[in-house]
Amino acid sequence: RHDEISIAAVIEAMDGPIAITDCAEGSTHQSCNIEGICPLSTGWNKVNHAVKHALEEVSLADMNIAQSPALTVDLTAKKTASAAGA
């Protein structure tokens, strides 16, 4: 069901673990030579966790544009207007 699948799950299925930087927890790259002494790694891990958590809170159903009247485009009206001007 669309309401049970998070955007995080979709991203992870398509691209692998969510990681803002190569050294972030969960990254499959781990290619940074100074990771052990880097003063920024703790901060990047906090950012990475926040982004991942936010993506886990949004489901495919939440992203369904058809459910959002503000984002729905009336294609019928556009086709009619185009046909009238042709």
PDB file of N, CA and C in Angstrom:
ATOM      1  N   ARG A   1       0.830  -1.188   0.000  1.00  0.00           N
ATOM      2  CA  ARG A   1       0.000   0.000   0.000  1.00  0.00           C
ATOM      3  C   ARG A   1       0.867   1.240   0.000  1.00  0.00           C
ATOM      4  N   HIS A   2       0.406   2.281  -0.698  1.00  0.00           N
ATOM      5  CA  HIS A   2       1.178   3.511  -0.840  1.00  0.00           C
ATOM      6  C   HIS A   2       1.423   4.230   0.475  1.00  0.00           C
ATOM      7  N   ASP A   3       0.508   4.083   1.423  1.00  0.00           N
ATOM      8  CA  ASP A   3       0.676   4.788   2.692  1.00  0.00           C
ATOM      9  C   ASP A   3       1.640   4.071   3.632  1.00  0.00           C
ATOM     10  N   GLU A   4       2.092   2.889   3.262  1.00  0.00           N
ATOM     11  CA  GLU A   4       3.028   2.124   4.091  1.00  0.00           C
ATOM     12  C   GLU A   4       4.463   2.179   3.566  1.00  0.00           C
ATOM     13  N   ILE A   5       4.666   2.748   2.386  1.00  0.00           N
ATOM     14  CA  ILE A   5       5.998   2.812   1.781  1.00  0.00           C
ATOM     15  C   ILE A   5       6.521   4.231   1.905  1.00  0.00           C
ATOM     16  N   SER A   6       7.637   4.381   2.597  1.00  0.00           N
ATOM     17  CA  SER A   6       8.204   5.721   2.787  1.00  0.00           C
ATOM     18  C   SER A   6       9.076   6.111   1.600  1.00  0.00           C
ATOM     19  N   ILE A   7       9.254   7.406   1.447  1.00  0.00           N
ATOM     20  CA  ILE A   7      10.147   7.911   0.413  1.00  0.00           C
ATOM     21  C   ILE A   7      11.571   7.438   0.692  1.00  0.00           C
ATOM     22  N   ALA A   8      11.933   7.315   1.963  1.00  0.00           N
ATOM     23  CA  ALA A   8      13.263   6.795   2.319  1.00  0.00           C
ATOM     24  C   ALA A   8      13.437   5.382   1.780  1.00  0.00           C
ATOM     25  N   ALA A   9      12.412   4.549   1.899  1.00  0.00           N
ATOM     26  CA  ALA A   9      12.495   3.172   1.403  1.00  0.00           C
ATOM     27  C   ALA A   9      12.676   3.140  -0.107  1.00  0.00           C
ATOM     28  N   VAL A  10      11.996   4.034  -0.807  1.00  0.00           N
ATOM     29  CA  VAL A  10      12.128   4.099  -2.271  1.00  0.00           C
ATOM     30  C   VAL A  10      13.552   4.506  -2.651  1.00  0.00           C
ATOM     31  N   ILE A  11      14.059   5.549  -2.006  1.00  0.00           N
ATOM     32  CA  ILE A  11      15.422   6.014  -2.306  1.00  0.00           C
ATOM     33  C   ILE A  11      16.435   4.920  -2.005  1.00  0.00           C
ATOM     34  N   GLU A  12      16.300   4.268  -0.859  1.00  0.00           N
ATOM     35  CA  GLU A  12      17.246   3.213  -0.493  1.00  0.00           C
ATOM     36  C   GLU A  12      17.166   2.027  -1.453  1.00  0.00           C
ATOM     37  N   ALA A  13      15.975   1.709  -1.939  1.00  0.00           N
ATOM     38  CA  ALA A  13      15.825   0.601  -2.885  1.00  0.00           C
ATOM     39  C   ALA A  13      16.475   0.926  -4.230  1.00  0.00           C
ATOM     40  N   MET A  14      16.421   2.195  -4.610  1.00  0.00           N
ATOM     41  CA  MET A  14      16.956   2.581  -5.911  1.00  0.00           C
ATOM     42  C   MET A  14      18.433   2.974  -5.862  1.00  0.00           C
ATOM     43  N   ASP A  15      18.842   3.654  -4.799  1.00  0.00           N
ATOM     44  CA  ASP A  15      20.184   4.216  -4.744  1.00  0.00           C
ATOM     45  C   ASP A  15      21.066   3.665  -3.630  1.00  0.00           C
ATOM     46  N   GLY A  16      20.515   2.880  -2.745  1.00  0.00           N
ATOM     47  CA  GLY A  16      21.282   2.397  -1.602  1.00  0.00           C
ATOM     48  C   GLY A  16      21.061   3.289  -0.407  1.00  0.00           C
ATOM     49  N   PRO A  17      21.883   3.127   0.613  1.00  0.00           N
ATOM     50  CA  PRO A  17      21.695   3.878   1.861  1.00  0.00           C
ATOM     51  C   PRO A  17      21.683   5.394   1.644  1.00  0.00           C
ATOM     52  N   ILE A  18      20.854   6.074   2.415  1.00  0.00           N
ATOM     53  CA  ILE A  18      20.786   7.534   2.351  1.00  0.00           C
ATOM     54  C   ILE A  18      21.987   8.086   3.110  1.00  0.00           C
ATOM     55  N   ALA A  19      22.806   8.827   2.403  1.00  0.00           N
ATOM     56  CA  ALA A  19      24.005   9.415   3.007  1.00  0.00           C
ATOM     57  C   ALA A  19      24.301  10.746   2.328  1.00  0.00           C
ATOM     58  N   ILE A  20      24.300  11.817   3.108  1.00  0.00           N
ATOM     59  CA  ILE A  20      24.536  13.156   2.584  1.00  0.00           C
ATOM     60  C   ILE A  20      25.965  13.297   2.073  1.00  0.00           C
ATOM     61  N   THR A  21      26.907  12.707   2.775  1.00  0.00           N
ATOM     62  CA  THR A  21      28.310  12.733   2.370  1.00  0.00           C
ATOM     63  C   THR A  21      28.845  11.308   2.340  1.00  0.00           C
ATOM     64  N   ASP A  22      29.982  11.113   1.702  1.00  0.00           N
ATOM     65  CA  ASP A  22      30.579   9.779   1.632  1.00  0.00           C
ATOM     66  C   ASP A  22      30.933   9.223   3.003  1.00  0.00           C
ATOM     67  N   CYS A  23      31.171  10.105   3.967  1.00  0.00           N
ATOM     68  CA  CYS A  23      31.572   9.622   5.288  1.00  0.00           C
ATOM     69  C   CYS A  23      30.403   9.480   6.261  1.00  0.00           C
ATOM     70  N   ALA A  24      29.207   9.842   5.837  1.00  0.00           N
ATOM     71  CA  ALA A  24      28.050   9.758   6.738  1.00  0.00           C
ATOM     72  C   ALA A  24      27.735   8.310   7.064  1.00  0.00           C
ATOM     73  N   GLU A  25      27.230   8.095   8.287  1.00  0.00           N
ATOM     74  CA  GLU A  25      26.836   6.751   8.694  1.00  0.00           C
ATOM     75  C   GLU A  25      25.850   6.186   7.685  1.00  0.00           C
ATOM     76  N   GLY A  26      26.068   4.959   7.262  1.00  0.00           N
ATOM     77  CA  GLY A  26      25.199   4.318   6.297  1.00  0.00           C
ATOM     78  C   GLY A  26      25.734   4.384   4.883  1.00  0.00           C
ATOM     79  N   SER A  27      26.704   5.257   4.644  1.00  0.00           N
ATOM     80  CA  SER A  27      27.277   5.358   3.307  1.00  0.00           C
ATOM     81  C   SER A  27      28.036   4.087   2.969  1.00  0.00           C
ATOM     82  N   THR A  28      27.968   3.698   1.723  1.00  0.00           N
ATOM     83  CA  THR A  28      28.713   2.516   1.281  1.00  0.00           C
ATOM     84  C   THR A  28      30.088   2.899   0.757  1.00  0.00           C
ATOM     85  N   HIS A  29      30.377   4.196   0.668  1.00  0.00           N
ATOM     86  CA  HIS A  29      31.642   4.638   0.068  1.00  0.00           C
ATOM     87  C   HIS A  29      32.796   4.674   1.068  1.00  0.00           C
ATOM     88  N   GLN A  30      32.603   5.347   2.180  1.00  0.00           N
ATOM     89  CA  GLN A  30      33.637   5.450   3.215  1.00  0.00           C
ATOM     90  C   GLN A  30      35.015   5.732   2.611  1.00  0.00           C
ATOM     91  N   SER A  31      35.086   6.722   1.720  1.00  0.00           N
ATOM     92  CA  SER A  31      36.329   6.975   1.007  1.00  0.00           C
ATOM     93  C   SER A  31      37.143   8.154   1.531  1.00  0.00           C
ATOM     94  N   CYS A  32      36.709   8.787   2.602  1.00  0.00           N
ATOM     95  CA  CYS A  32      37.426   9.943   3.113  1.00  0.00           C
ATOM     96  C   CYS A  32      38.645   9.503   3.912  1.00  0.00           C
ATOM     97  N   ASN A  33      39.800  10.077   3.589  1.00  0.00           N
ATOM     98  CA  ASN A  33      41.055   9.712   4.255  1.00  0.00           C
ATOM     99  C   ASN A  33      41.194  10.307   5.648  1.00  0.00           C
ATOM    100  N   ILE A  34      40.438  11.352   5.968  1.00  0.00           N
ATOM    101  CA  ILE A  34      40.574  11.994   7.283  1.00  0.00           C
ATOM    102  C   ILE A  34      39.354  11.781   8.161  1.00  0.00           C
ATOM    103  N   GLU A  35      38.538  10.819   7.820  1.00  0.00           N
ATOM    104  CA  GLU A  35      37.288  10.599   8.554  1.00  0.00           C
ATOM    105  C   GLU A  35      37.516  10.464  10.055  1.00  0.00           C
ATOM    106  N   GLY A  36      38.558   9.767  10.464  1.00  0.00           N
ATOM    107  CA  GLY A  36      38.809   9.533  11.882  1.00  0.00           C
ATOM    108  C   GLY A  36      39.140  10.786  12.671  1.00  0.00           C
ATOM    109  N   ILE A  37      39.629  11.826  12.013  1.00  0.00           N
ATOM    110  CA  ILE A  37      40.018  13.058  12.709  1.00  0.00           C
ATOM    111  C   ILE A  37      39.204  14.277  12.270  1.00  0.00           C
ATOM    112  N   CYS A  38      38.240  14.070  11.415  1.00  0.00           N
ATOM    113  CA  CYS A  38      37.461  15.180  10.858  1.00  0.00           C
ATOM    114  C   CYS A  38      36.527  15.778  11.903  1.00  0.00           C
ATOM    115  N   PRO A  39      36.604  17.098  12.113  1.00  0.00           N
ATOM    116  CA  PRO A  39      35.718  17.737  13.091  1.00  0.00           C
ATOM    117  C   PRO A  39      34.284  17.896  12.580  1.00  0.00           C
ATOM    118  N   LEU A  40      34.049  17.654  11.307  1.00  0.00           N
ATOM    119  CA  LEU A  40      32.719  17.845  10.733  1.00  0.00           C
ATOM    120  C   LEU A  40      31.880  16.566  10.692  1.00  0.00           C
ATOM    121  N   SER A  41      32.490  15.425  10.904  1.00  0.00           N
ATOM    122  CA  SER A  41      31.754  14.168  10.728  1.00  0.00           C
ATOM    123  C   SER A  41      30.560  14.044  11.671  1.00  0.00           C
ATOM    124  N   THR A  42      30.694  14.486  12.908  1.00  0.00           N
ATOM    125  CA  THR A  42      29.569  14.411  13.846  1.00  0.00           C
ATOM    126  C   THR A  42      28.417  15.280  13.358  1.00  0.00           C
ATOM    127  N   GLY A  43      28.730  16.464  12.884  1.00  0.00           N
ATOM    128  CA  GLY A  43      27.689  17.360  12.359  1.00  0.00           C
ATOM    129  C   GLY A  43      27.009  16.782  11.137  1.00  0.00           C
ATOM    130  N   TRP A  44      27.787  16.219  10.218  1.00  0.00           N
ATOM    131  CA  TRP A  44      27.203  15.626   9.014  1.00  0.00           C
ATOM    132  C   TRP A  44      26.339  14.425   9.361  1.00  0.00           C
ATOM    133  N   ASN A  45      26.735  13.654  10.349  1.00  0.00           N
ATOM    134  CA  ASN A  45      25.917  12.515  10.758  1.00  0.00           C
ATOM    135  C   ASN A  45      24.581  12.983  11.336  1.00  0.00           C
ATOM    136  N   LYS A  46      24.586  14.097  12.082  1.00  0.00           N
ATOM    137  CA  LYS A  46      23.327  14.642  12.611  1.00  0.00           C
ATOM    138  C   LYS A  46      22.417  15.081  11.465  1.00  0.00           C
ATOM    139  N   VAL A  47      22.995  15.749  10.468  1.00  0.00           N
ATOM    140  CA  VAL A  47      22.227  16.194   9.305  1.00  0.00           C
ATOM    141  C   VAL A  47      21.686  14.981   8.555  1.00  0.00           C
ATOM    142  N   ASN A  48      22.521  13.978   8.364  1.00  0.00           N
ATOM    143  CA  ASN A  48      22.124  12.771   7.649  1.00  0.00           C
ATOM    144  C   ASN A  48      20.951  12.081   8.355  1.00  0.00           C
ATOM    145  N   HIS A  49      21.028  11.967   9.679  1.00  0.00           N
ATOM    146  CA  HIS A  49      19.941  11.345  10.447  1.00  0.00           C
ATOM    147  C   HIS A  49      18.647  12.157  10.321  1.00  0.00           C
ATOM    148  N   ALA A  50      18.762  13.481  10.348  1.00  0.00           N
ATOM    149  CA  ALA A  50      17.578  14.337  10.243  1.00  0.00           C
ATOM    150  C   ALA A  50      16.913  14.190   8.871  1.00  0.00           C
ATOM    151  N   VAL A  51      17.717  14.171   7.820  1.00  0.00           N
ATOM    152  CA  VAL A  51      17.178  14.023   6.464  1.00  0.00           C
ATOM    153  C   VAL A  51      16.528  12.652   6.309  1.00  0.00           C
ATOM    154  N   LYS A  52      17.219  11.614   6.776  1.00  0.00           N
ATOM    155  CA  LYS A  52      16.671  10.263   6.660  1.00  0.00           C
ATOM    156  C   LYS A  52      15.359  10.151   7.434  1.00  0.00           C
ATOM    157  N   HIS A  53      15.318  10.704   8.632  1.00  0.00           N
ATOM    158  CA  HIS A  53      14.090  10.665   9.437  1.00  0.00           C
ATOM    159  C   HIS A  53      12.951  11.390   8.719  1.00  0.00           C
ATOM    160  N   ALA A  54      13.249  12.547   8.146  1.00  0.00           N
ATOM    161  CA  ALA A  54      12.224  13.307   7.423  1.00  0.00           C
ATOM    162  C   ALA A  54      11.694  12.495   6.243  1.00  0.00           C
ATOM    163  N   LEU A  55      12.568  11.823   5.516  1.00  0.00           N
ATOM    164  CA  LEU A  55      12.149  11.008   4.375  1.00  0.00           C
ATOM    165  C   LEU A  55      11.353   9.780   4.816  1.00  0.00           C
ATOM    166  N   GLU A  56      11.644   9.269   5.994  1.00  0.00           N
ATOM    167  CA  GLU A  56      10.895   8.134   6.530  1.00  0.00           C
ATOM    168  C   GLU A  56       9.475   8.531   6.920  1.00  0.00           C
ATOM    169  N   GLU A  57       9.249   9.801   7.195  1.00  0.00           N
ATOM    170  CA  GLU A  57       7.942  10.292   7.622  1.00  0.00           C
ATOM    171  C   GLU A  57       7.017  10.618   6.450  1.00  0.00           C
ATOM    172  N   VAL A  58       7.528  10.588   5.227  1.00  0.00           N
ATOM    173  CA  VAL A  58       6.724  10.902   4.042  1.00  0.00           C
ATOM    174  C   VAL A  58       6.497   9.615   3.263  1.00  0.00           C
ATOM    175  N   SER A  59       5.226   9.306   3.001  1.00  0.00           N
ATOM    176  CA  SER A  59       4.899   8.077   2.270  1.00  0.00           C
ATOM    177  C   SER A  59       4.640   8.384   0.799  1.00  0.00           C
ATOM    178  N   LEU A  60       4.561   7.325   0.001  1.00  0.00           N
ATOM    179  CA  LEU A  60       4.186   7.500  -1.398  1.00  0.00           C
ATOM    180  C   LEU A  60       2.803   8.129  -1.507  1.00  0.00           C
ATOM    181  N   ALA A  61       1.904   7.757  -0.607  1.00  0.00           N
ATOM    182  CA  ALA A  61       0.562   8.347  -0.614  1.00  0.00           C
ATOM    183  C   ALA A  61       0.631   9.854  -0.365  1.00  0.00           C
ATOM    184  N   ASP A  62       1.547  10.288   0.502  1.00  0.00           N
ATOM    185  CA  ASP A  62       1.711  11.719   0.762  1.00  0.00           C
ATOM    186  C   ASP A  62       2.161  12.469  -0.488  1.00  0.00           C
ATOM    187  N   MET A  63       2.901  11.801  -1.336  1.00  0.00           N
ATOM    188  CA  MET A  63       3.453  12.428  -2.539  1.00  0.00           C
ATOM    189  C   MET A  63       2.493  12.397  -3.718  1.00  0.00           C
ATOM    190  N   ASN A  64       1.345  11.775  -3.574  1.00  0.00           N
ATOM    191  CA  ASN A  64       0.383  11.633  -4.658  1.00  0.00           C
ATOM    192  C   ASN A  64      -0.235  12.983  -4.992  1.00  0.00           C
ATOM    193  N   ILE A  65       0.134  13.533  -6.120  1.00  0.00           N
ATOM    194  CA  ILE A  65      -0.330  14.857  -6.523  1.00  0.00           C
ATOM    195  C   ILE A  65      -1.845  14.871  -6.726  1.00  0.00           C
ATOM    196  N   ALA A  66      -2.414  13.767  -7.168  1.00  0.00           N
ATOM    197  CA  ALA A  66      -3.859  13.714  -7.410  1.00  0.00           C
ATOM    198  C   ALA A  66      -4.657  13.961  -6.133  1.00  0.00           C
ATOM    199  N   GLN A  67      -4.063  13.705  -4.978  1.00  0.00           N
ATOM    200  CA  GLN A  67      -4.747  13.935  -3.711  1.00  0.00           C
ATOM    201  C   GLN A  67      -4.645  15.379  -3.255  1.00  0.00           C
ATOM    202  N   SER A  68      -3.837  16.174  -3.913  1.00  0.00           N
ATOM    203  CA  SER A  68      -3.634  17.557  -3.509  1.00  0.00           C
ATOM    204  C   SER A  68      -4.285  18.494  -4.525  1.00  0.00           C
ATOM    205  N   PRO A  69      -5.471  19.019  -4.224  1.00  0.00           N
ATOM    206  CA  PRO A  69      -6.174  19.881  -5.183  1.00  0.00           C
ATOM    207  C   PRO A  69      -5.351  21.097  -5.612  1.00  0.00           C
ATOM    208  N   ALA A  70      -4.496  21.591  -4.740  1.00  0.00           N
ATOM    209  CA  ALA A  70      -3.696  22.770  -5.077  1.00  0.00           C
ATOM    210  C   ALA A  70      -2.684  22.464  -6.172  1.00  0.00           C
ATOM    211  N   LEU A  71      -2.296  21.200  -6.322  1.00  0.00           N
ATOM    212  CA  LEU A  71      -1.298  20.836  -7.321  1.00  0.00           C
ATOM    213  C   LEU A  71      -1.891  20.161  -8.551  1.00  0.00           C
ATOM    214  N   THR A  72      -3.181  19.907  -8.546  1.00  0.00           N
ATOM    215  CA  THR A  72      -3.824  19.231  -9.662  1.00  0.00           C
ATOM    216  C   THR A  72      -4.001  20.206 -10.825  1.00  0.00           C
ATOM    217  N   VAL A  73      -3.648  19.750 -12.008  1.00  0.00           N
ATOM    218  CA  VAL A  73      -3.756  20.574 -13.209  1.00  0.00           C
ATOM    219  C   VAL A  73      -4.954  20.081 -14.013  1.00  0.00           C
ATOM    220  N   ASP A  74      -5.789  20.987 -14.436  1.00  0.00           N
ATOM    221  CA  ASP A  74      -6.942  20.629 -15.249  1.00  0.00           C
ATOM    222  C   ASP A  74      -6.499  20.543 -16.704  1.00  0.00           C
ATOM    223  N   LEU A  75      -6.076  19.348 -17.133  1.00  0.00           N
ATOM    224  CA  LEU A  75      -5.586  19.155 -18.482  1.00  0.00           C
ATOM    225  C   LEU A  75      -6.691  19.281 -19.524  1.00  0.00           C
ATOM    226  N   THR A  76      -7.912  18.959 -19.161  1.00  0.00           N
ATOM    227  CA  THR A  76      -9.039  19.072 -20.098  1.00  0.00           C
ATOM    228  C   THR A  76      -9.229  20.516 -20.535  1.00  0.00           C
ATOM    229  N   ALA A  77      -9.196  21.440 -19.595  1.00  0.00           N
ATOM    230  CA  ALA A  77      -9.359  22.850 -19.922  1.00  0.00           C
ATOM    231  C   ALA A  77      -8.235  23.338 -20.826  1.00  0.00           C
ATOM    232  N   LYS A  78      -7.011  22.884 -20.601  1.00  0.00           N
ATOM    233  CA  LYS A  78      -5.886  23.304 -21.423  1.00  0.00           C
ATOM    234  C   LYS A  78      -6.012  22.761 -22.846  1.00  0.00           C
ATOM    235  N   LYS A  79      -6.470  21.520 -22.987  1.00  0.00           N
ATOM    236  CA  LYS A  79      -6.653  20.922 -24.313  1.00  0.00           C
ATOM    237  C   LYS A  79      -7.742  21.669 -25.077  1.00  0.00           C
ATOM    238  N   THR A  80      -8.834  22.016 -24.400  1.00  0.00           N
ATOM    239  CA  THR A  80      -9.933  22.747 -25.028  1.00  0.00           C
ATOM    240  C   THR A  80      -9.470  24.120 -25.494  1.00  0.00           C
ATOM    241  N   ALA A  81      -8.709  24.811 -24.668  1.00  0.00           N
ATOM    242  CA  ALA A  81      -8.198  26.134 -25.019  1.00  0.00           C
ATOM    243  C   ALA A  81      -7.236  26.038 -26.190  1.00  0.00           C
ATOM    244  N   SER A  82      -6.401  25.007 -26.231  1.00  0.00           N
ATOM    245  CA  SER A  82      -5.454  24.829 -27.324  1.00  0.00           C
ATOM    246  C   SER A  82      -6.176  24.535 -28.626  1.00  0.00           C
ATOM    247  N   ALA A  83      -7.201  23.699 -28.562  1.00  0.00           N
ATOM    248  CA  ALA A  83      -7.965  23.339 -29.752  1.00  0.00           C
ATOM    249  C   ALA A  83      -8.704  24.556 -30.309  1.00  0.00           C
ATOM    250  N   ALA A  84      -9.215  25.409 -29.454  1.00  0.00           N
ATOM    251  CA  ALA A  84      -9.952  26.592 -29.887  1.00  0.00           C
ATOM    252  C   ALA A  84      -9.034  27.594 -30.581  1.00  0.00           C
ATOM    253  N   GLY A  85      -7.775  27.649 -30.148  1.00  0.00           N
ATOM    254  CA  GLY A  85      -6.836  28.599 -30.728  1.00  0.00           C
ATOM    255  C   GLY A  85      -6.124  28.069 -31.956  1.00  0.00           C
ATOM    256  N   ALA A  86      -6.284  26.790 -32.278  1.00  0.00           N
ATOM    257  CA  ALA A  86      -5.550  26.190 -33.393  1.00  0.00           C
ATOM    258  C   ALA A  86      -6.167  26.450 -34.712  1.00  0.00           C
TER     259      ALA A  86
END
